[in-house]
């Protein structure tokens, strides 16, 4: 999954620069559907490799989709409310994270073990829905926004120019790539070791009970955070809100690391709420002032998702004997995001 995000982000940006946002969204949806339907032949081959290939294709589709849809949501309206629009559109991720495991569990565990289609049912369902959405996008007229280059050197920290080199003269964009890498590392690490930590602190809790808390507690707080965050941005600037949320998450992770019983458990639960706005807000702030380089810039920010590939390995290694110590990785990640938000706020 993370290899796909790293490899496909730049080609996705080049595709959009030539063919536009709409075709980028359609390509991402179609590739996602192809990967989902690839689980049908994979089920008959009785090997891990075909499933991994199918997941890789799905991730390629997701990467293209995020590279296209995220900046499109950001620039489809006034620049100052771009982060608010992106947070609102991404709020539905939380709903998917709650319903996905429930629907998947019913379809997979409710079937016969001898039925080769048992594992493929959720992917057939999702692939069909995604294909339908792709068809709707094909027949829907979307405005192709043309972003003009900014030439006012006195008011801007950076003057966009043609060529890739000019993008790296934009400090906020560069910091956004690192911040996105840190956020994805923190998010993946927390999601991956949530059950391990909860059952280690509360020995009376089973893995199944912890997984239900993750679905209905953590993911529900995540969705509520994004919805409330998108509306709060009407009155509070995205950079300021990100500052407070990053600070709160850093405090939550510090409490998790010191492991003080119930207080640490509630801090871990709350961290989902404060994480909620980070991905779309960092994305939108990183694209500020990029002008005609927006499509290519979004590719590099999406590549930050690869941060999720490293956090679980590091956390597992550091927290092999005491899982709480492993959460120092998300703590350091949130501290950098706090630095990023403060710099944006200052600017």
Protein backbone atom coordinates (compact mmCIF):
# COMPACT_ATOMS: atom_id res chain seq x y z
CA UNK A 1 0.00 0.00 0.00
CA UNK A 2 2.66 2.52 1.00
CA UNK A 3 4.94 1.56 -1.90
CA UNK A 4 2.07 2.45 -4.25
CA UNK A 5 1.63 5.89 -2.67
CA UNK A 6 5.35 6.57 -2.96
CA UNK A 7 5.63 5.38 -6.59
CA UNK A 8 2.37 6.72 -8.05
CA UNK A 9 2.14 10.21 -6.55
CA UNK A 10 4.39 11.96 -9.09
CA UNK A 11 2.93 10.17 -12.17
CA UNK A 12 -0.53 11.10 -10.86
CA UNK A 13 0.48 14.77 -10.68
CA UNK A 14 1.85 14.69 -14.24
CA UNK A 15 -1.34 13.00 -15.48
CA UNK A 16 -3.49 15.74 -13.93
CA UNK A 17 -1.31 18.52 -15.25
CA UNK A 18 -1.93 17.19 -18.75
CA UNK A 19 -5.53 15.93 -18.52
CA UNK A 20 -7.06 17.83 -15.59
CA UNK A 21 -8.63 17.01 -12.22
CA UNK A 22 -11.78 15.29 -13.51
CA UNK A 23 -9.91 12.69 -15.58
CA UNK A 24 -7.53 12.16 -12.66
CA UNK A 25 -10.46 11.39 -10.35
CA UNK A 26 -12.01 9.01 -12.91
CA UNK A 27 -8.68 7.21 -13.48
CA UNK A 28 -8.21 6.77 -9.72
CA UNK A 29 -11.73 5.36 -9.28
CA UNK A 30 -11.37 2.97 -12.22
CA UNK A 31 -7.98 1.70 -11.05
CA UNK A 32 -9.43 1.20 -7.56
CA UNK A 33 -12.29 -0.87 -9.05
CA UNK A 34 -9.84 -2.98 -11.10
CA UNK A 35 -7.85 -3.76 -7.94
CA UNK A 36 -11.01 -4.67 -6.02
CA UNK A 37 -12.25 -7.05 -8.73
CA UNK A 38 -8.76 -8.58 -8.93
CA UNK A 39 -9.56 -10.28 -5.63
CA UNK A 40 -11.88 -12.67 -7.52
CA UNK A 41 -9.12 -14.53 -9.44
CA UNK A 42 -6.79 -14.12 -6.43
CA UNK A 43 -9.21 -16.16 -4.29
CA UNK A 44 -8.77 -19.21 -6.55
CA UNK A 45 -4.95 -19.10 -6.60
CA UNK A 46 -4.53 -19.82 -2.85
CA UNK A 47 -1.42 -17.64 -2.52
CA UNK A 48 -0.63 -14.37 -0.76
CA UNK A 49 1.05 -12.77 -3.79
CA UNK A 50 -2.10 -12.24 -5.93
CA UNK A 51 -3.82 -10.56 -2.97
CA UNK A 52 -0.83 -8.28 -2.42
CA UNK A 53 -0.82 -7.35 -6.12
CA UNK A 54 -4.55 -6.56 -5.92
CA UNK A 55 -3.94 -4.38 -2.84
CA UNK A 56 -1.11 -2.61 -4.68
CA UNK A 57 -3.48 -1.79 -7.60
CA UNK A 58 -6.13 -0.52 -5.15
CA UNK A 59 -3.53 1.68 -3.46
CA UNK A 60 -2.41 3.07 -6.84
CA UNK A 61 -6.02 4.05 -7.51
CA UNK A 62 -6.32 5.63 -4.07
CA UNK A 63 -3.09 7.56 -4.56
CA UNK A 64 -4.26 9.00 -7.89
CA UNK A 65 -7.67 9.75 -6.40
CA UNK A 66 -6.19 11.62 -3.42
CA UNK A 67 -3.69 13.49 -5.60
CA UNK A 68 -6.60 14.68 -7.76
CA UNK A 69 -9.54 15.11 -5.39
CA UNK A 70 -7.75 16.76 -2.46
CA UNK A 71 -6.30 19.78 -4.31
CA UNK A 72 -9.50 20.03 -6.39
CA UNK A 73 -11.55 20.38 -3.18
CA UNK A 74 -9.04 22.94 -1.92
CA UNK A 75 -9.08 25.27 -4.95
CA UNK A 76 -12.78 24.89 -5.84
CA UNK A 77 -13.69 28.13 -4.09
CA UNK A 78 -12.05 30.88 -2.01
CA UNK A 79 -8.49 30.04 -0.91
CA UNK A 80 -9.12 31.04 2.71
CA UNK A 81 -11.82 28.33 3.11
CA UNK A 82 -9.92 25.58 1.25
CA UNK A 83 -8.96 23.71 4.44
CA UNK A 84 -12.57 23.88 5.64
CA UNK A 85 -13.89 22.31 2.40
CA UNK A 86 -11.28 19.56 2.46
CA UNK A 87 -12.01 18.72 6.11
CA UNK A 88 -15.74 18.51 5.36
CA UNK A 89 -15.28 16.23 2.35
CA UNK A 90 -12.85 13.99 4.26
CA UNK A 91 -15.19 13.70 7.26
CA UNK A 92 -16.80 10.74 5.54
CA UNK A 93 -13.54 8.79 5.97
CA UNK A 94 -14.54 8.36 9.62
CA UNK A 95 -17.89 6.85 8.65
CA UNK A 96 -16.13 4.43 6.30
CA UNK A 97 -13.67 3.40 9.01
CA UNK A 98 -16.57 2.59 11.36
CA UNK A 99 -18.75 0.74 8.84
CA UNK A 100 -15.95 -0.95 6.84
CA UNK A 101 -14.84 -3.47 9.49
CA UNK A 102 -18.46 -4.17 10.49
CA UNK A 103 -19.69 -4.87 6.93
CA UNK A 104 -16.46 -6.68 6.03
CA UNK A 105 -16.72 -8.82 9.15
CA UNK A 106 -20.31 -9.82 8.42
CA UNK A 107 -19.52 -10.74 4.81
CA UNK A 108 -16.26 -12.59 5.54
CA UNK A 109 -17.02 -14.34 8.83
CA UNK A 110 -20.66 -15.00 7.94
CA UNK A 111 -19.77 -17.26 4.97
CA UNK A 112 -18.56 -20.82 4.64
CA UNK A 113 -14.81 -21.38 4.96
CA UNK A 114 -14.85 -23.63 1.87
CA UNK A 115 -16.41 -20.87 -0.27
CA UNK A 116 -13.59 -19.14 -2.23
CA UNK A 117 -15.78 -16.04 -2.65
CA UNK A 118 -16.07 -15.47 1.12
CA UNK A 119 -13.01 -13.20 1.26
CA UNK A 120 -13.84 -11.44 -2.01
CA UNK A 121 -17.40 -10.35 -1.13
CA UNK A 122 -16.45 -7.02 0.53
CA UNK A 123 -14.15 -6.15 -2.39
CA UNK A 124 -16.80 -7.03 -4.98
CA UNK A 125 -19.25 -4.78 -3.12
CA UNK A 126 -16.79 -1.88 -2.80
CA UNK A 127 -15.54 -2.31 -6.37
CA UNK A 128 -19.11 -2.16 -7.70
CA UNK A 129 -19.89 1.02 -5.74
CA UNK A 130 -16.63 2.68 -6.83
CA UNK A 131 -17.32 1.77 -10.48
CA UNK A 132 -20.77 3.34 -10.18
CA UNK A 133 -19.24 6.52 -8.74
CA UNK A 134 -16.73 6.59 -11.64
CA UNK A 135 -19.61 6.39 -14.15
CA UNK A 136 -21.37 9.25 -12.36
CA UNK A 137 -18.21 11.37 -12.60
CA UNK A 138 -17.91 10.60 -16.33
CA UNK A 139 -21.37 12.07 -16.98
CA UNK A 140 -21.07 14.94 -14.49
CA UNK A 141 -19.81 18.31 -15.70
CA UNK A 142 -17.07 19.58 -13.37
CA UNK A 143 -15.45 23.00 -13.68
CA UNK A 144 -11.75 22.76 -14.55
CA UNK A 145 -10.15 25.43 -12.37
CA UNK A 146 -7.20 27.25 -13.89
CA UNK A 147 -4.92 28.65 -11.18
CA UNK A 148 -3.07 31.78 -12.15
CA UNK A 149 0.52 32.35 -11.07
CA UNK A 150 1.03 34.93 -8.36
CA UNK A 151 3.48 37.65 -9.33
CA UNK A 152 3.23 39.97 -6.30
CA UNK A 153 6.68 39.53 -4.78
CA UNK A 154 6.19 42.16 -2.08
CA UNK A 155 3.24 40.46 -0.37
CA UNK A 156 4.23 36.78 -0.71
CA UNK A 157 6.97 34.75 0.90
CA UNK A 158 7.37 32.90 -2.37
CA UNK A 159 6.77 33.74 -6.03
CA UNK A 160 5.64 30.69 -8.04
CA UNK A 161 7.53 30.18 -11.27
CA UNK A 162 7.66 27.58 -13.97
CA UNK A 163 9.66 24.41 -13.32
CA UNK A 164 10.02 22.01 -10.42
CA UNK A 165 12.91 23.85 -8.75
CA UNK A 166 10.69 26.83 -7.92
CA UNK A 167 8.42 24.70 -5.73
CA UNK A 168 11.24 24.01 -3.28
CA UNK A 169 11.65 27.75 -2.69
CA UNK A 170 8.32 27.68 -0.88
CA UNK A 171 9.21 26.87 2.78
CA UNK A 172 5.60 26.19 3.84
CA UNK A 173 5.20 23.60 1.08
CA UNK A 174 8.44 21.83 2.08
CA UNK A 175 7.42 21.80 5.74
CA UNK A 176 4.00 20.43 4.73
CA UNK A 177 5.62 17.38 3.09
CA UNK A 178 7.50 16.58 6.31
CA UNK A 179 4.41 17.30 8.43
CA UNK A 180 2.28 14.97 6.29
CA UNK A 181 4.93 12.26 6.59
CA UNK A 182 4.90 12.70 10.38
CA UNK A 183 1.11 12.71 10.57
CA UNK A 184 0.72 9.50 8.55
CA UNK A 185 3.44 7.89 10.69
CA UNK A 186 1.61 8.90 13.88
CA UNK A 187 -1.84 7.90 12.63
CA UNK A 188 -0.77 4.49 11.34
CA UNK A 189 1.24 3.80 14.48
CA UNK A 190 -1.64 4.66 16.81
CA UNK A 191 -4.15 2.67 14.75
CA UNK A 192 -1.78 -0.32 14.55
CA UNK A 193 -0.93 -0.58 18.26
CA UNK A 194 -4.18 0.67 19.81
CA UNK A 195 -5.35 -2.85 20.73
CA UNK A 196 -1.88 -3.85 21.98
CA UNK A 197 -1.68 -0.85 24.30
CA UNK A 198 -5.24 -1.04 25.62
CA UNK A 199 -5.02 -4.75 26.48
CA UNK A 200 -1.58 -4.22 28.05
CA UNK A 201 -2.82 -1.42 30.34
CA UNK A 202 -6.20 -3.04 31.10
CA UNK A 203 -5.44 -6.76 31.36
CA UNK A 204 -9.12 -7.61 31.89
CA UNK A 205 -10.00 -6.36 28.38
CA UNK A 206 -10.01 -8.81 25.46
CA UNK A 207 -8.83 -8.09 21.92
CA UNK A 208 -12.43 -8.16 20.65
CA UNK A 209 -13.55 -5.60 23.26
CA UNK A 210 -10.57 -3.37 22.41
CA UNK A 211 -11.36 -3.62 18.68
CA UNK A 212 -14.94 -2.47 19.35
CA UNK A 213 -13.64 0.52 21.31
CA UNK A 214 -11.38 1.29 18.34
CA UNK A 215 -14.31 1.16 15.89
CA UNK A 216 -17.06 2.85 17.89
CA UNK A 217 -14.92 4.99 20.19
CA UNK A 218 -11.75 6.03 18.40
CA UNK A 219 -13.09 6.15 14.84
CA UNK A 220 -16.32 7.84 15.95
CA UNK A 221 -14.31 10.55 17.72
CA UNK A 222 -12.21 10.89 14.56
CA UNK A 223 -15.31 11.54 12.43
CA UNK A 224 -16.80 13.96 14.98
CA UNK A 225 -13.49 15.82 15.09
CA UNK A 226 -13.39 16.33 11.33
CA UNK A 227 -17.00 17.45 11.10
CA UNK A 228 -16.71 19.85 14.03
CA UNK A 229 -13.30 21.03 12.82
CA UNK A 230 -14.61 21.92 9.36
CA UNK A 231 -17.34 24.08 10.91
CA UNK A 232 -15.02 25.62 13.51
CA UNK A 233 -12.80 26.88 10.69
CA UNK A 234 -15.51 29.41 9.88
CA UNK A 235 -14.34 31.36 12.93
CA UNK A 236 -10.81 30.07 13.61
CA UNK A 237 -8.08 29.97 10.97
CA UNK A 238 -6.91 26.47 9.92
CA UNK A 239 -3.35 27.14 11.12
CA UNK A 240 -4.53 28.26 14.56
CA UNK A 241 -6.88 25.27 14.96
CA UNK A 242 -4.10 22.90 13.82
CA UNK A 243 -1.80 24.48 16.43
CA UNK A 244 -4.18 23.71 19.29
CA UNK A 245 -5.02 20.22 18.02
CA UNK A 246 -1.34 19.31 17.55
CA UNK A 247 -0.52 20.58 21.06
CA UNK A 248 -3.41 18.56 22.52
CA UNK A 249 -2.27 15.41 20.69
CA UNK A 250 1.31 15.88 21.90
CA UNK A 251 0.00 16.09 25.49
CA UNK A 252 -2.15 12.97 24.91
CA UNK A 253 0.85 11.01 23.60
CA UNK A 254 3.01 12.16 26.54
CA UNK A 255 0.37 10.74 28.90
CA UNK A 256 0.30 7.50 26.90
CA UNK A 257 4.10 7.17 27.09
CA UNK A 258 4.23 7.66 30.89
CA UNK A 259 1.39 5.09 31.20
CA UNK A 260 -0.63 6.23 34.22
CA UNK A 261 -3.51 3.77 33.95
CA UNK A 262 -7.00 5.00 33.08
CA UNK A 263 -5.80 8.56 32.40
CA UNK A 264 -3.50 7.24 29.65
CA UNK A 265 -6.32 5.18 28.13
CA UNK A 266 -8.60 8.21 27.88
CA UNK A 267 -5.71 10.25 26.46
CA UNK A 268 -5.29 7.61 23.75
CA UNK A 269 -9.02 7.74 22.96
CA UNK A 270 -8.97 11.56 22.78
CA UNK A 271 -5.99 11.54 20.43
CA UNK A 272 -8.33 10.32 17.65
CA UNK A 273 -10.42 13.49 17.96
CA UNK A 274 -7.40 15.80 17.76
CA UNK A 275 -5.80 13.83 14.88
CA UNK A 276 -8.94 14.23 12.79
CA UNK A 277 -8.25 17.54 11.01
CA UNK A 278 -4.53 17.05 10.46
CA UNK A 279 -4.29 15.33 7.06
CA UNK A 280 -6.64 17.66 5.12
CA UNK A 281 -5.48 20.79 6.97
CA UNK A 282 -1.77 20.10 6.38
CA UNK A 283 -2.62 19.34 2.75
CA UNK A 284 -4.50 22.61 2.25
CA UNK A 285 -1.91 24.75 4.06
CA UNK A 286 0.89 23.14 2.04
CA UNK A 287 -0.79 24.15 -1.23
CA UNK A 288 -1.26 27.80 -0.23
CA UNK A 289 0.32 30.14 -2.75
CA UNK A 290 1.52 27.36 -5.07
CA UNK A 291 -0.37 28.79 -8.05
CA UNK A 292 0.10 26.81 -11.26
CA UNK A 293 2.33 24.34 -9.39
CA UNK A 294 -0.63 23.13 -7.29
CA UNK A 295 -1.07 19.81 -9.12
CA UNK A 296 2.60 18.87 -8.92
CA UNK A 297 2.86 20.08 -5.32
CA UNK A 298 -0.07 17.89 -4.28
CA UNK A 299 1.83 14.85 -5.62
CA UNK A 300 4.73 15.44 -3.24
CA UNK A 301 2.41 15.99 -0.25
CA UNK A 302 0.55 12.75 -1.03
CA UNK A 303 3.91 10.95 -1.03
CA UNK A 304 4.04 11.79 2.67
CA UNK A 305 1.58 8.93 3.22
CA UNK A 306 4.65 6.66 2.98
CA UNK A 307 5.40 7.72 6.56
CA UNK A 308 2.87 5.12 7.64
CA UNK A 309 5.21 2.35 6.45
CA UNK A 310 7.91 3.18 8.99
CA UNK A 311 6.05 4.00 12.23
CA UNK A 312 4.71 0.49 13.01
CA UNK A 313 8.16 -1.08 12.58
CA UNK A 314 9.83 1.54 14.79
CA UNK A 315 7.08 1.43 17.42
CA UNK A 316 7.14 -2.37 17.47
CA UNK A 317 10.91 -2.40 17.90
CA UNK A 318 10.99 0.31 20.60
CA UNK A 319 7.94 -1.03 22.45
CA UNK A 320 8.76 -4.74 22.26
CA UNK A 321 8.95 -5.02 26.08
CA UNK A 322 6.76 -2.03 26.99
CA UNK A 323 4.26 -0.86 24.34
CA UNK A 324 3.90 2.55 25.99
CA UNK A 325 7.49 3.50 25.09
CA UNK A 326 6.74 2.89 21.40
CA UNK A 327 4.29 5.80 21.41
CA UNK A 328 7.21 8.21 21.59
CA UNK A 329 7.20 8.06 17.76
CA UNK A 330 3.69 9.64 17.48
CA UNK A 331 4.71 12.10 20.22
CA UNK A 332 7.69 13.36 18.19
CA UNK A 333 5.52 13.45 15.06
CA UNK A 334 2.89 15.65 16.70
CA UNK A 335 5.58 17.98 18.02
CA UNK A 336 6.81 18.58 14.46
CA UNK A 337 3.22 19.17 13.29
CA UNK A 338 2.91 21.72 16.12
CA UNK A 339 6.05 23.45 14.78
CA UNK A 340 4.60 23.42 11.25
CA UNK A 341 1.30 24.91 12.44
CA UNK A 342 3.07 27.65 14.44
CA UNK A 343 5.10 28.65 11.38
CA UNK A 344 1.95 28.81 9.26
CA UNK A 345 0.19 30.85 11.92
CA UNK A 346 3.14 33.26 12.14
CA UNK A 347 3.16 33.73 8.36
